[in-house]
Amino acid sequence: SVVTSVTAQHTTGVYSTHVLPVDEVAAQFDAVAGDFDLAAVKTGMLATREVVDLVADRVADLDAPVVVDPVMVAASGDRLLDEAAESAYADLVAEATLVTPNADEAAVLTDREVTDVDAAEAAGAALVDLGADAALVTGGHLGDEDVVDVLVTDGAVRHLTHDRVDTDASHGSGCTLSSAVATRLAHGDDFEAAVEFGVDLLGRALRYNVDVGEGP
């Protein structure tokens, strides 16, 4: 693990964040990569442009799948990425094996509204045009009765349709999904198999959640 920011938070909100100096983030990555074989990398909360630039630089030289989860807003609505960092994400997306935005994050990354499945397809295609090998635009934030996650690769689109789980226990759902997909890519699965595994795992996690705290 490479820690980019320390947060004070619980289920109802983020009370403070402390972004580590970029040199410390770089030192952590270099220590991990200097001693371990990296089978996959998954990014999370990067917070600032300087950290996004650093991560893009480091993963560019890796011979391993890179899953970019563009964490921008917490489930509580608290912003986890400063505005200057949003534009820097283009370079990181270009290094991604897979980028996994929800509808709101896809809208920020592609500068277009993402309100339905067709728009999710267009946003996914735009992310692939930026250089990502594939994009998974998750449908949890769209208003359909069923959830439709849209997987876009170069020249192919697939819809993964599944029941919407009636639960508030959604804090960390995007991080859980992208981590599960990265794990399966590390084991050699292709995009579709890895995404299917991640979606199935997340569905079970939402259904059989642990009820803690006052928020989601």
Protein backbone atom coordinates (compact mmCIF):
# COMPACT_ATOMS: atom_id res chain seq x y z
CA SER A 1 0.00 0.00 0.00
CA VAL A 2 0.99 3.60 -0.68
CA VAL A 3 -0.83 6.08 1.54
CA THR A 4 -1.57 9.38 -0.20
CA SER A 5 -3.78 11.07 2.39
CA VAL A 6 -4.82 10.52 5.99
CA THR A 7 -8.48 11.23 6.65
CA ALA A 8 -10.60 11.74 9.73
CA GLN A 9 -13.98 10.33 8.77
CA HIS A 10 -16.78 7.96 9.64
CA THR A 11 -20.01 6.86 7.99
CA THR A 12 -21.65 10.31 8.01
CA GLY A 13 -18.86 12.50 6.72
CA VAL A 14 -15.23 13.46 6.21
CA TYR A 15 -14.04 15.83 8.92
CA SER A 16 -10.51 16.51 7.73
CA THR A 17 -7.90 15.30 5.27
CA HIS A 18 -4.14 15.56 5.43
CA VAL A 19 -2.37 14.97 2.12
CA LEU A 20 1.11 13.54 2.52
CA PRO A 21 4.05 15.35 0.88
CA VAL A 22 4.63 14.13 -2.65
CA ASP A 23 8.17 13.01 -1.81
CA GLU A 24 6.76 10.72 0.90
CA VAL A 25 4.23 9.23 -1.51
CA ALA A 26 7.04 8.62 -4.01
CA ALA A 27 9.23 7.04 -1.34
CA GLN A 28 6.44 4.62 -0.37
CA PHE A 29 5.89 3.56 -3.96
CA ASP A 30 9.60 3.11 -4.61
CA ALA A 31 9.95 1.02 -1.45
CA VAL A 32 7.06 -1.27 -2.41
CA ALA A 33 8.11 -1.61 -6.04
CA GLY A 34 11.73 -2.13 -5.03
CA ASP A 35 10.99 -5.28 -3.02
CA PHE A 36 7.78 -6.83 -4.38
CA ASP A 37 6.60 -8.10 -7.75
CA LEU A 38 3.58 -5.97 -8.61
CA ALA A 39 0.87 -8.12 -10.22
CA ALA A 40 -1.60 -5.22 -10.44
CA VAL A 41 -2.03 -1.67 -9.22
CA LYS A 42 -5.26 0.02 -8.13
CA THR A 43 -5.40 3.77 -7.45
CA GLY A 44 -7.78 5.46 -5.03
CA MET A 45 -7.93 8.87 -3.39
CA LEU A 46 -5.11 10.95 -4.89
CA ALA A 47 -6.37 14.36 -3.71
CA THR A 48 -4.05 16.80 -5.55
CA ARG A 49 -2.62 17.44 -8.99
CA GLU A 50 0.91 16.78 -7.75
CA VAL A 51 -0.01 13.31 -6.48
CA VAL A 52 -1.95 12.48 -9.66
CA ASP A 53 1.07 13.52 -11.76
CA LEU A 54 3.38 11.41 -9.61
CA VAL A 55 1.20 8.30 -9.88
CA ALA A 56 0.85 8.71 -13.64
CA ASP A 57 4.63 8.91 -13.92
CA ARG A 58 5.24 5.84 -11.75
CA VAL A 59 2.67 3.53 -13.37
CA ALA A 60 3.81 4.45 -16.89
CA ASP A 61 6.82 2.19 -16.47
CA LEU A 62 5.00 -0.80 -14.96
CA ASP A 63 4.42 -4.10 -16.70
CA ALA A 64 1.24 -4.81 -14.74
CA PRO A 65 -2.47 -4.00 -15.05
CA VAL A 66 -3.36 -0.56 -13.69
CA VAL A 67 -6.91 0.01 -12.48
CA VAL A 68 -7.69 3.71 -12.01
CA ASP A 69 -10.58 4.40 -9.66
CA PRO A 70 -11.01 8.19 -9.97
CA VAL A 71 -12.10 8.89 -6.40
CA MET A 72 -13.51 12.42 -6.42
CA VAL A 73 -16.43 12.59 -3.98
CA ALA A 74 -17.15 10.48 -0.89
CA ALA A 75 -20.50 8.73 -0.43
CA SER A 76 -21.30 11.43 2.11
CA GLY A 77 -20.89 14.10 -0.58
CA ASP A 78 -17.54 15.38 0.69
CA ARG A 79 -15.09 16.34 -2.06
CA LEU A 80 -11.91 14.25 -2.08
CA LEU A 81 -10.13 15.80 -5.08
CA ASP A 82 -9.20 19.43 -5.65
CA GLU A 83 -10.26 21.04 -8.91
CA ALA A 84 -6.71 21.40 -10.23
CA ALA A 85 -6.29 17.63 -10.04
CA GLU A 86 -9.27 16.92 -12.31
CA SER A 87 -7.47 18.00 -15.48
CA ALA A 88 -4.37 16.04 -14.45
CA TYR A 89 -6.35 12.82 -14.56
CA ALA A 90 -6.16 12.70 -18.36
CA ASP A 91 -2.52 11.60 -18.18
CA LEU A 92 -3.32 8.93 -15.59
CA VAL A 93 -6.29 7.63 -17.58
CA ALA A 94 -3.96 7.29 -20.56
CA GLU A 95 -1.84 4.83 -18.54
CA ALA A 96 -4.84 2.82 -17.28
CA THR A 97 -5.60 -0.76 -18.17
CA LEU A 98 -9.08 -0.06 -16.81
CA VAL A 99 -10.70 3.10 -15.46
CA THR A 100 -13.77 2.65 -13.24
CA PRO A 101 -15.72 5.90 -12.78
CA ASN A 102 -19.29 6.16 -11.58
CA ALA A 103 -21.60 8.40 -13.61
CA ASP A 104 -20.63 11.57 -11.74
CA GLU A 105 -16.90 10.89 -12.08
CA ALA A 106 -17.27 9.99 -15.76
CA ALA A 107 -19.03 13.32 -16.31
CA VAL A 108 -16.11 15.21 -14.75
CA LEU A 109 -13.47 13.24 -16.67
CA THR A 110 -15.19 13.62 -20.07
CA ASP A 111 -16.93 16.98 -19.62
CA ARG A 112 -20.32 15.57 -20.60
CA GLU A 113 -23.54 14.71 -18.82
CA VAL A 114 -23.91 11.03 -17.93
CA THR A 115 -27.57 10.47 -17.08
CA ASP A 116 -28.42 7.22 -18.89
CA VAL A 117 -26.86 4.11 -20.39
CA ASP A 118 -26.30 5.68 -23.82
CA ALA A 119 -24.43 8.56 -22.22
CA ALA A 120 -22.41 6.08 -20.16
CA GLU A 121 -21.39 4.32 -23.38
CA ALA A 122 -20.29 7.62 -24.90
CA ALA A 123 -18.32 8.55 -21.78
CA GLY A 124 -16.65 5.13 -21.72
CA ALA A 125 -15.67 5.53 -25.37
CA ALA A 126 -14.23 8.97 -24.61
CA LEU A 127 -12.10 7.51 -21.82
CA VAL A 128 -10.80 4.81 -24.17
CA ASP A 129 -10.01 7.57 -26.68
CA LEU A 130 -7.92 9.21 -23.94
CA GLY A 131 -5.76 6.09 -23.88
CA ALA A 132 -7.32 3.68 -21.39
CA ASP A 133 -7.49 0.07 -22.58
CA ALA A 134 -11.01 -0.17 -21.16
CA ALA A 135 -13.55 1.81 -19.13
CA LEU A 136 -16.18 0.52 -16.73
CA VAL A 137 -18.81 3.20 -16.12
CA THR A 138 -20.77 1.96 -13.14
CA GLY A 139 -24.53 2.46 -13.06
CA GLY A 140 -25.22 2.80 -9.35
CA HIS A 141 -25.77 6.57 -9.64
CA LEU A 142 -28.11 6.31 -12.63
CA GLY A 143 -31.85 6.23 -12.03
CA ASP A 144 -32.82 2.93 -13.64
CA GLU A 145 -34.66 0.23 -11.70
CA ASP A 146 -31.90 -2.21 -12.66
CA VAL A 147 -28.24 -1.28 -12.43
CA VAL A 148 -26.45 -1.34 -15.78
CA ASP A 149 -22.66 -1.16 -15.66
CA VAL A 150 -21.16 -0.34 -19.05
CA LEU A 151 -17.83 -1.91 -20.04
CA VAL A 152 -16.23 -0.26 -23.06
CA THR A 153 -13.12 -1.56 -24.78
CA ASP A 154 -11.61 -0.54 -28.08
CA GLY A 155 -14.36 -1.52 -30.50
CA ALA A 156 -16.70 -3.33 -28.09
CA VAL A 157 -19.38 -2.45 -25.55
CA ARG A 158 -20.94 -4.77 -22.99
CA HIS A 159 -23.77 -4.12 -20.54
CA LEU A 160 -23.71 -5.90 -17.19
CA THR A 161 -27.26 -5.72 -15.86
CA HIS A 162 -28.07 -6.71 -12.29
CA ASP A 163 -30.70 -6.04 -9.64
CA ARG A 164 -30.45 -2.82 -7.67
CA VAL A 165 -29.95 -3.68 -3.99
CA ASP A 166 -32.17 -1.63 -1.68
CA THR A 167 -29.61 -0.59 0.92
CA ASP A 168 -27.85 2.46 2.30
CA ALA A 169 -24.69 0.42 2.94
CA SER A 170 -22.89 1.79 -0.09
CA HIS A 171 -19.88 3.56 1.48
CA GLY A 172 -16.78 2.32 -0.35
CA SER A 173 -18.70 0.42 -3.02
CA GLY A 174 -16.66 1.85 -5.90
CA CYS A 175 -13.38 1.12 -4.12
CA THR A 176 -14.51 -2.43 -3.37
CA LEU A 177 -15.48 -3.07 -6.99
CA SER A 178 -12.28 -1.69 -8.50
CA SER A 179 -10.12 -3.55 -5.97
CA ALA A 180 -11.87 -6.83 -6.74
CA VAL A 181 -11.41 -6.30 -10.48
CA ALA A 182 -7.73 -5.46 -9.99
CA THR A 183 -7.29 -8.65 -7.98
CA ARG A 184 -8.68 -10.79 -10.78
CA LEU A 185 -6.62 -8.97 -13.42
CA ALA A 186 -3.57 -9.76 -11.28
CA HIS A 187 -4.51 -13.43 -11.57
CA GLY A 188 -4.64 -13.19 -15.36
CA ASP A 189 -8.39 -12.85 -15.98
CA ASP A 190 -9.52 -10.90 -19.03
CA PHE A 191 -11.57 -7.71 -18.66
CA GLU A 192 -14.97 -9.37 -18.82
CA ALA A 193 -14.19 -12.15 -16.35
CA ALA A 194 -12.57 -9.72 -13.91
CA VAL A 195 -15.46 -7.28 -14.09
CA GLU A 196 -18.05 -10.05 -13.70
CA PHE A 197 -16.26 -11.24 -10.57
CA GLY A 198 -16.10 -7.72 -9.13
CA VAL A 199 -19.77 -6.98 -9.82
CA ASP A 200 -20.82 -10.28 -8.23
CA LEU A 201 -18.68 -9.69 -5.14
CA LEU A 202 -20.03 -6.16 -4.72
CA GLY A 203 -23.61 -7.39 -5.02
CA ARG A 204 -23.06 -9.83 -2.18
CA ALA A 205 -21.31 -7.17 -0.08
CA LEU A 206 -24.28 -4.81 -0.49
CA ARG A 207 -26.83 -7.51 0.33
CA TYR A 208 -25.02 -8.97 3.33
CA ASN A 209 -23.53 -5.83 4.80
CA VAL A 210 -22.37 -5.11 8.33
CA ASP A 211 -24.57 -2.41 9.88
CA VAL A 212 -22.26 -0.01 11.72
CA GLY A 213 -22.48 3.70 12.45
CA GLU A 214 -25.23 6.20 11.66
CA GLY A 215 -24.51 6.70 7.94
CA PRO A 216 -24.07 4.53 4.82
